[in-house]
Amino acid sequence: MRSQVWVGDAVRALALARTESEQAQVLEMLGFAPGVVLPADRGAPFPGPVGPQASAEAPHRQQDPEPEHDLPPRLPAEDREPGVDAADELPLLRPVRVEAVPTPGETVEPLARPASERAPLPHLPLLVPAWTSAIVRSLISRRVPEGTVDIPSLIDTLAHGRPVGRLPRMPVPTMRYGVQVLVDRGAGMQPFRRDQNQLLERVCAVVGPHLVEVGYFSGVPQRGTGPGARWTRTAYTPPESGRPVLLLSDLGLGGPPDDPARGTREDWEHFVGLVTRAGCGVVALCPYPPGRWPRWMTGLLPLFSWDRTTTAGRASVRLP
């Protein structure tokens, strides 16, 4: 049975042989003789076909092919000078033609340099500017019985034979009680920071700066409220009895869902309870559409949409 000897085995064995006689002996031991062709360019034997076919093909293999072009001979790697790359021996190609680069017919003007100061982008308020003052008055006004005499109520009292100790009067709105404005600085209200500042300025202009109490908070007012920076805020305190509270917040609808400072339903129920027990009314402006308001939110406090659909008529609310 003949052993399995591959061409690769012969190549590795020939690399260790020193003379041609040793190479012939190696090939004969491996079963490739007689039929070995020695390439003239490398000087190393290469196993060829065995048998009569080898003698017929051997002369053709030993003939060098004629060069197609007159190229300079390439030196073997061992005959090259040190530091000379094989690519340096390649001939340079001659250019066929050289074309000139066309120049543009018209000169291009460079762009203007940017200004050193960036002009602020125009701001479009959430509320219609011409209606904002009327909306503010409708939101924070309290109705007190100081108008004209309520004739129907007076006639009813006399008809039932009850004594008239005080003339009944019609209710009229007033802003003399002032207002407490609570501004939410949480993540959900960050896109509306400029609207909060502008509306706060309008409230001070309508009511009067001495009657406006401002408090900033993040999330819910119970976690800290104050007129200054966040580190100066303290526990929330409701205003004096009768002063309405205007809340500028999203009530936890916006911002990252995993925000730990985000207010929950229980937090807002607790806040409304604090304000109600203090004898005050609370009304909120929310910048998100009513389609996102849950049912518990609309039943907890008067909530109005902070957008251009809000009018003074829609914002009218009866505060205690």
Protein backbone atom coordinates (compact mmCIF):
# COMPACT_ATOMS: atom_id res chain seq x y z
CA MET A 1 0.00 0.00 0.00
CA ARG A 2 1.46 3.36 -1.09
CA SER A 3 1.71 6.04 1.58
CA GLN A 4 0.00 9.36 1.14
CA VAL A 5 2.79 11.78 0.12
CA TRP A 6 1.75 15.27 -0.99
CA VAL A 7 3.52 17.89 -3.02
CA GLY A 8 3.79 20.06 0.10
CA ASP A 9 5.82 17.33 1.79
CA ALA A 10 8.27 17.32 -1.13
CA VAL A 11 8.61 21.11 -1.05
CA ARG A 12 9.41 21.13 2.68
CA ALA A 13 11.96 18.31 2.21
CA LEU A 14 13.67 20.03 -0.73
CA ALA A 15 14.09 23.18 1.35
CA LEU A 16 16.43 21.23 3.65
CA ALA A 17 18.51 19.61 0.85
CA ARG A 18 21.82 21.29 0.02
CA THR A 19 22.86 19.89 -3.38
CA GLU A 20 21.07 18.64 -6.46
CA SER A 21 22.07 15.08 -5.70
CA GLU A 22 20.48 15.29 -2.30
CA GLN A 23 17.36 16.79 -3.84
CA ALA A 24 17.18 13.92 -6.35
CA GLN A 25 17.52 11.41 -3.55
CA VAL A 26 14.77 13.10 -1.56
CA LEU A 27 12.39 13.04 -4.51
CA GLU A 28 13.20 9.41 -5.21
CA MET A 29 12.51 8.49 -1.58
CA LEU A 30 9.17 10.30 -1.72
CA GLY A 31 8.17 8.54 -4.96
CA PHE A 32 8.32 11.51 -7.34
CA ALA A 33 11.35 10.33 -9.43
CA PRO A 34 12.00 10.12 -12.34
CA GLY A 35 10.02 13.19 -13.50
CA VAL A 36 11.32 16.18 -11.66
CA VAL A 37 11.67 19.54 -13.36
CA LEU A 38 14.04 22.16 -12.04
CA PRO A 39 12.89 25.72 -12.85
CA ALA A 40 15.73 27.80 -14.17
CA ASP A 41 14.67 31.10 -12.52
CA ARG A 42 14.45 29.86 -8.94
CA GLY A 43 17.10 27.16 -8.91
CA ALA A 44 14.87 24.91 -6.78
CA PRO A 45 13.32 21.61 -7.89
CA PHE A 46 9.58 21.34 -8.38
CA PRO A 47 7.85 18.01 -8.68
CA GLY A 48 6.28 17.43 -12.06
CA PRO A 49 4.23 14.64 -13.59
CA VAL A 50 5.60 11.11 -13.44
CA GLY A 51 5.84 8.78 -16.46
CA PRO A 52 6.09 9.13 -20.21
CA GLN A 53 4.06 12.34 -20.10
CA ALA A 54 6.81 13.97 -18.07
CA SER A 55 9.42 13.46 -20.78
CA ALA A 56 7.11 14.98 -23.40
CA GLU A 57 6.22 18.06 -21.31
CA ALA A 58 9.58 18.66 -19.71
CA PRO A 59 11.23 20.43 -22.70
CA HIS A 60 8.29 22.80 -22.98
CA ARG A 61 8.42 23.67 -19.29
CA GLN A 62 12.10 24.46 -19.36
CA GLN A 63 11.82 26.99 -22.19
CA ASP A 64 11.52 30.58 -20.98
CA PRO A 65 8.64 32.58 -22.47
CA GLU A 66 9.58 35.45 -24.69
CA PRO A 67 9.02 38.89 -23.11
CA GLU A 68 6.18 40.89 -24.54
CA HIS A 69 7.75 44.28 -23.83
CA ASP A 70 11.29 45.56 -23.59
CA LEU A 71 11.42 45.84 -19.83
CA PRO A 72 14.66 45.91 -17.83
CA PRO A 73 15.44 42.64 -16.03
CA ARG A 74 14.50 42.47 -12.36
CA LEU A 75 17.19 41.49 -9.95
CA PRO A 76 16.58 38.72 -7.41
CA ALA A 77 15.96 39.83 -3.85
CA GLU A 78 19.35 38.56 -2.69
CA ASP A 79 21.19 40.56 -5.45
CA ARG A 80 19.53 43.90 -4.74
CA GLU A 81 21.27 46.60 -2.79
CA PRO A 82 20.05 47.08 0.76
CA GLY A 83 17.33 49.73 1.07
CA VAL A 84 16.23 49.42 -2.57
CA ASP A 85 12.55 48.57 -3.07
CA ALA A 86 11.38 46.31 -5.88
CA ALA A 87 8.92 49.02 -6.98
CA ASP A 88 11.84 51.34 -7.74
CA GLU A 89 12.96 49.07 -10.57
CA LEU A 90 9.62 49.38 -12.41
CA PRO A 91 9.68 51.67 -15.49
CA LEU A 92 7.79 54.97 -15.37
CA LEU A 93 4.80 55.36 -17.67
CA ARG A 94 4.82 58.18 -20.18
CA PRO A 95 1.77 60.51 -20.11
CA VAL A 96 -0.40 60.39 -23.21
CA ARG A 97 -1.56 64.01 -22.99
CA VAL A 98 -1.92 66.85 -20.50
CA GLU A 99 -5.18 68.79 -20.25
CA ALA A 100 -5.44 72.23 -18.74
CA VAL A 101 -7.85 72.80 -15.83
CA PRO A 102 -10.65 75.15 -16.95
CA THR A 103 -11.08 78.31 -14.88
CA PRO A 104 -14.56 79.56 -13.98
CA GLY A 105 -15.85 82.40 -16.07
CA GLU A 106 -17.49 84.27 -13.19
CA THR A 107 -15.93 85.05 -9.84
CA VAL A 108 -17.67 83.62 -6.77
CA GLU A 109 -18.22 86.03 -3.91
CA PRO A 110 -17.36 84.63 -0.48
CA LEU A 111 -20.03 84.27 2.17
CA ALA A 112 -20.40 86.99 4.75
CA ARG A 113 -18.68 86.41 8.05
CA PRO A 114 -20.97 85.56 10.96
CA ALA A 115 -21.66 88.33 13.38
CA SER A 116 -20.01 88.20 16.80
CA GLU A 117 -23.39 88.48 18.55
CA ARG A 118 -26.18 86.07 17.71
CA ALA A 119 -29.59 87.64 17.38
CA PRO A 120 -32.22 85.85 19.50
CA LEU A 121 -34.85 83.95 17.61
CA PRO A 122 -38.34 85.47 17.60
CA HIS A 123 -40.53 84.09 20.35
CA LEU A 124 -44.19 83.23 19.80
CA PRO A 125 -45.98 83.20 23.18
CA LEU A 126 -48.36 80.40 24.06
CA LEU A 127 -51.19 82.87 24.75
CA VAL A 128 -52.38 85.51 22.33
CA PRO A 129 -50.57 88.69 23.48
CA ALA A 130 -53.67 90.88 23.05
CA TRP A 131 -55.72 88.54 25.27
CA THR A 132 -53.13 87.76 27.96
CA SER A 133 -54.11 90.54 30.38
CA ALA A 134 -57.80 89.64 30.21
CA ILE A 135 -56.99 85.95 30.69
CA VAL A 136 -54.89 86.75 33.77
CA ARG A 137 -57.73 88.80 35.29
CA SER A 138 -60.20 85.97 34.67
CA LEU A 139 -57.93 83.39 36.29
CA ILE A 140 -56.98 85.17 39.51
CA SER A 141 -59.97 87.42 40.22
CA ARG A 142 -62.18 86.63 43.19
CA ARG A 143 -65.90 87.37 43.16
CA VAL A 144 -67.09 89.37 46.14
CA PRO A 145 -70.67 90.66 46.86
CA GLU A 146 -69.90 94.35 46.39
CA GLY A 147 -71.85 95.18 43.24
CA THR A 148 -75.30 96.61 42.82
CA VAL A 149 -78.21 95.47 44.98
CA ASP A 150 -79.50 92.04 44.09
CA ILE A 151 -83.16 92.92 43.59
CA PRO A 152 -84.43 89.35 42.94
CA SER A 153 -82.76 88.11 46.13
CA LEU A 154 -84.16 91.03 48.13
CA ILE A 155 -87.72 90.40 46.86
CA ASP A 156 -87.44 86.72 47.76
CA THR A 157 -86.36 87.61 51.30
CA LEU A 158 -89.27 90.02 51.79
CA ALA A 159 -91.79 87.62 50.26
CA HIS A 160 -90.87 84.93 52.82
CA GLY A 161 -91.21 87.39 55.66
CA ARG A 162 -87.57 87.23 56.67
CA PRO A 163 -85.90 90.30 58.14
CA VAL A 164 -83.43 92.19 55.93
CA GLY A 165 -80.30 92.70 57.99
CA ARG A 166 -78.08 93.51 55.04
CA LEU A 167 -78.82 94.36 51.46
CA PRO A 168 -77.80 91.56 49.12
CA ARG A 169 -75.47 92.70 46.37
CA MET A 170 -74.33 91.25 43.07
CA PRO A 171 -70.88 89.59 42.97
CA VAL A 172 -68.12 91.46 41.15
CA PRO A 173 -64.53 90.33 40.41
CA THR A 174 -61.65 91.87 42.31
CA MET A 175 -57.88 91.39 42.45
CA ARG A 176 -57.20 93.20 45.71
CA TYR A 177 -56.39 89.90 47.44
CA GLY A 178 -53.31 89.48 45.24
CA VAL A 179 -52.07 86.13 43.94
CA GLN A 180 -49.46 83.50 44.67
CA VAL A 181 -47.79 82.32 41.47
CA LEU A 182 -46.04 78.94 41.67
CA VAL A 183 -43.64 78.36 38.76
CA ASP A 184 -42.59 74.79 37.98
CA ARG A 185 -38.90 74.60 36.99
CA GLY A 186 -38.89 70.83 36.48
CA ALA A 187 -37.65 68.95 33.42
CA GLY A 188 -41.11 68.82 31.83
CA MET A 189 -41.45 72.62 31.87
CA GLN A 190 -37.96 73.42 30.59
CA PRO A 191 -39.13 74.11 26.99
CA PHE A 192 -41.59 76.71 28.34
CA ARG A 193 -39.17 78.66 30.51
CA ARG A 194 -39.48 81.85 28.45
CA ASP A 195 -43.29 81.68 28.50
CA GLN A 196 -43.24 81.34 32.27
CA ASN A 197 -41.08 84.43 32.66
CA GLN A 198 -43.18 86.50 30.27
CA LEU A 199 -46.46 85.48 31.90
CA LEU A 200 -45.05 86.25 35.33
CA GLU A 201 -44.16 89.76 34.15
CA ARG A 202 -47.66 90.21 32.80
CA VAL A 203 -49.21 89.09 36.12
CA CYS A 204 -47.10 91.63 38.00
CA ALA A 205 -48.18 94.35 35.58
CA VAL A 206 -51.89 93.49 35.91
CA VAL A 207 -52.14 92.83 39.66
CA GLY A 208 -49.28 94.94 40.96
CA PRO A 209 -45.81 93.77 42.10
CA HIS A 210 -46.65 94.32 45.79
CA LEU A 211 -49.59 91.88 45.56
CA VAL A 212 -47.75 89.06 43.72
CA GLU A 213 -46.03 86.32 45.71
CA VAL A 214 -43.70 84.21 43.52
CA GLY A 215 -42.45 80.73 44.35
CA TYR A 216 -40.31 78.40 42.25
CA PHE A 217 -40.28 74.63 42.66
CA SER A 218 -39.33 71.42 40.82
CA GLY A 219 -41.75 68.52 40.60
CA VAL A 220 -44.18 69.45 43.37
CA PRO A 221 -44.20 72.48 45.72
CA GLN A 222 -44.00 70.33 48.88
CA ARG A 223 -40.40 69.37 48.10
CA GLY A 224 -39.21 72.96 48.34
CA THR A 225 -40.53 76.33 47.20
CA GLY A 226 -38.94 79.74 47.27
CA PRO A 227 -38.37 82.97 45.33
CA GLY A 228 -34.66 82.33 44.75
CA ALA A 229 -32.25 79.59 43.77
CA ARG A 230 -32.97 75.93 44.37
CA TRP A 231 -30.67 75.63 47.37
CA THR A 232 -32.58 78.44 49.14
CA ARG A 233 -36.02 76.82 48.87
CA THR A 234 -37.88 75.64 51.93
CA ALA A 235 -41.06 73.72 52.68
CA TYR A 236 -44.15 75.05 50.96
CA THR A 237 -46.43 77.37 52.92
CA PRO A 238 -49.91 78.28 51.58
CA PRO A 239 -50.70 81.99 51.28
CA GLU A 240 -52.97 83.90 53.56
CA SER A 241 -56.65 83.05 53.46
CA GLY A 242 -58.46 84.39 50.43
CA ARG A 243 -55.40 84.80 48.17
CA PRO A 244 -55.71 82.68 45.00
CA VAL A 245 -52.90 80.42 43.78
CA LEU A 246 -51.91 80.35 40.10
CA LEU A 247 -49.98 77.20 39.17
CA LEU A 248 -47.77 77.21 36.04
CA SER A 249 -46.97 73.52 35.71
CA ASP A 250 -47.52 70.38 33.65
CA LEU A 251 -48.51 68.43 36.81
CA GLY A 252 -46.09 65.65 35.94
CA LEU A 253 -47.22 65.08 32.33
CA GLY A 254 -43.90 65.98 30.69
CA GLY A 255 -40.26 65.22 31.26
CA PRO A 256 -38.47 61.86 31.48
CA PRO A 257 -40.74 59.04 32.70
CA ASP A 258 -38.08 57.83 35.15
CA ASP A 259 -37.45 61.28 36.67
CA PRO A 260 -37.49 60.82 40.48
CA ALA A 261 -38.61 64.46 40.96
CA ARG A 262 -41.71 63.95 38.82
CA GLY A 263 -44.93 64.64 40.71
CA THR A 264 -47.46 61.84 41.17
CA ARG A 265 -51.20 61.88 41.67
CA GLU A 266 -50.83 61.52 45.44
CA ASP A 267 -48.40 64.46 45.56
CA TRP A 268 -50.81 66.80 43.75
CA GLU A 269 -53.78 65.67 45.80
CA HIS A 270 -51.81 66.50 48.93
CA PHE A 271 -50.90 69.93 47.54
CA VAL A 272 -54.48 70.84 46.63
CA GLY A 273 -55.55 69.74 50.10
CA LEU A 274 -53.04 72.11 51.71
CA VAL A 275 -54.27 75.07 49.67
CA THR A 276 -57.95 74.32 50.20
CA ARG A 277 -57.63 73.94 53.96
CA ALA A 278 -55.90 77.33 54.06
CA GLY A 279 -59.02 78.95 52.57
CA CYS A 280 -57.50 79.60 49.15
CA GLY A 281 -58.40 78.57 45.64
CA VAL A 282 -55.97 77.14 43.08
CA VAL A 283 -56.08 77.23 39.30
CA ALA A 284 -53.49 75.77 36.89
CA LEU A 285 -52.22 76.52 33.39
CA CYS A 286 -50.87 73.45 31.60
CA PRO A 287 -48.96 73.72 28.27
CA TYR A 288 -50.00 70.22 27.15
CA PRO A 289 -53.23 69.58 25.22
CA PRO A 290 -56.38 68.43 27.05
CA GLY A 291 -56.18 65.06 25.31
CA ARG A 292 -53.30 64.16 27.63
CA TRP A 293 -55.06 65.18 30.85
CA PRO A 294 -56.13 62.21 32.98
CA ARG A 295 -59.54 62.24 34.57
CA TRP A 296 -58.23 62.59 38.10
CA MET A 297 -56.39 65.78 37.12
CA THR A 298 -59.43 67.57 35.71
CA GLY A 299 -61.48 66.62 38.76
CA LEU A 300 -58.83 67.79 41.22
CA LEU A 301 -58.57 71.49 40.31
CA PRO A 302 -59.58 73.97 37.58
CA LEU A 303 -57.17 73.22 34.72
CA PHE A 304 -56.82 75.36 31.60
CA SER A 305 -54.89 74.81 28.40
CA TRP A 306 -51.90 77.11 28.05
CA ASP A 307 -52.17 77.73 24.31
CA ARG A 308 -53.83 80.07 21.79
CA THR A 309 -57.24 78.45 22.11
CA THR A 310 -57.67 79.88 25.61
CA THR A 311 -59.71 83.06 25.89
CA ALA A 312 -60.81 85.22 28.80
CA GLY A 313 -64.30 83.68 28.62
CA ARG A 314 -62.96 80.14 28.86
CA ALA A 315 -60.59 81.09 31.66
CA SER A 316 -63.28 82.52 33.94
CA VAL A 317 -63.47 80.45 37.13
CA ARG A 318 -65.21 80.96 40.46
CA LEU A 319 -62.58 81.06 43.19
CA PRO A 320 -63.56 81.01 46.89
